[in-house]
Amino acid sequence: MRVLLTLVALVVAAFLLFVTVVRPAVERGGWKELGFVIVVFVVVLLAERWARTR
């Protein structure tokens, strides 16, 4: 049952990510804007990790 719940959560999260981030970014600014969103996301994650190690 736990595996099923995990798979359902994964599918829902992936769908929401696609609908709210990927599709609007590509429609509005093309692949460059999507790349920018990804870069910002990675920078935030790296900054958070750096802040935790301090």
Protein backbone atom coordinates (compact mmCIF):
# COMPACT_ATOMS: atom_id res chain seq x y z
CA MET A 1 0.00 0.00 0.00
CA ARG A 2 2.88 2.36 0.79
CA VAL A 3 4.42 1.85 -2.65
CA LEU A 4 1.10 2.67 -4.31
CA LEU A 5 0.78 5.87 -2.28
CA THR A 6 4.34 6.87 -3.24
CA LEU A 7 3.65 6.25 -6.92
CA VAL A 8 0.42 8.26 -6.82
CA ALA A 9 2.21 11.14 -5.05
CA LEU A 10 4.97 11.01 -7.67
CA VAL A 11 2.51 11.14 -10.57
CA VAL A 12 0.55 14.01 -9.01
CA ALA A 13 3.70 15.99 -8.19
CA ALA A 14 5.12 15.48 -11.69
CA PHE A 15 1.83 16.53 -13.27
CA LEU A 16 1.62 19.66 -11.13
CA LEU A 17 5.24 20.54 -11.90
CA PHE A 18 4.58 20.18 -15.61
CA VAL A 19 1.33 22.18 -15.52
CA THR A 20 2.53 25.01 -13.27
CA VAL A 21 6.19 25.39 -14.27
CA VAL A 22 7.27 23.65 -17.46
CA ARG A 23 4.35 24.35 -19.81
CA PRO A 24 3.91 28.05 -18.91
CA ALA A 25 7.66 28.67 -19.10
CA VAL A 26 7.91 27.12 -22.56
CA GLU A 27 4.77 28.88 -23.80
CA ARG A 28 5.85 32.27 -22.50
CA GLY A 29 9.57 32.38 -23.05
CA GLY A 30 10.55 29.18 -24.78
CA TRP A 31 13.25 26.84 -23.61
CA LYS A 32 15.44 29.73 -22.41
CA GLU A 33 12.94 30.68 -19.72
CA LEU A 34 12.61 27.07 -18.64
CA GLY A 35 16.40 26.89 -18.41
CA PHE A 36 16.37 30.06 -16.31
CA VAL A 37 13.81 28.53 -13.92
CA ILE A 38 15.96 25.42 -13.56
CA VAL A 39 19.11 27.49 -12.92
CA VAL A 40 17.35 29.56 -10.25
CA PHE A 41 16.05 26.39 -8.60
CA VAL A 42 19.53 24.83 -8.52
CA VAL A 43 21.09 28.04 -7.17
CA VAL A 44 18.54 28.16 -4.34
CA LEU A 45 19.20 24.52 -3.46
CA LEU A 46 22.98 25.03 -3.47
CA ALA A 47 22.69 28.20 -1.36
CA GLU A 48 20.55 26.36 1.15
CA ARG A 49 23.05 23.53 1.35
CA TRP A 50 25.93 26.00 1.73
CA ALA A 51 24.07 27.87 4.50
CA ARG A 52 23.47 24.63 6.40
CA THR A 53 27.16 23.74 6.42
CA ARG A 54 28.10 27.09 7.95
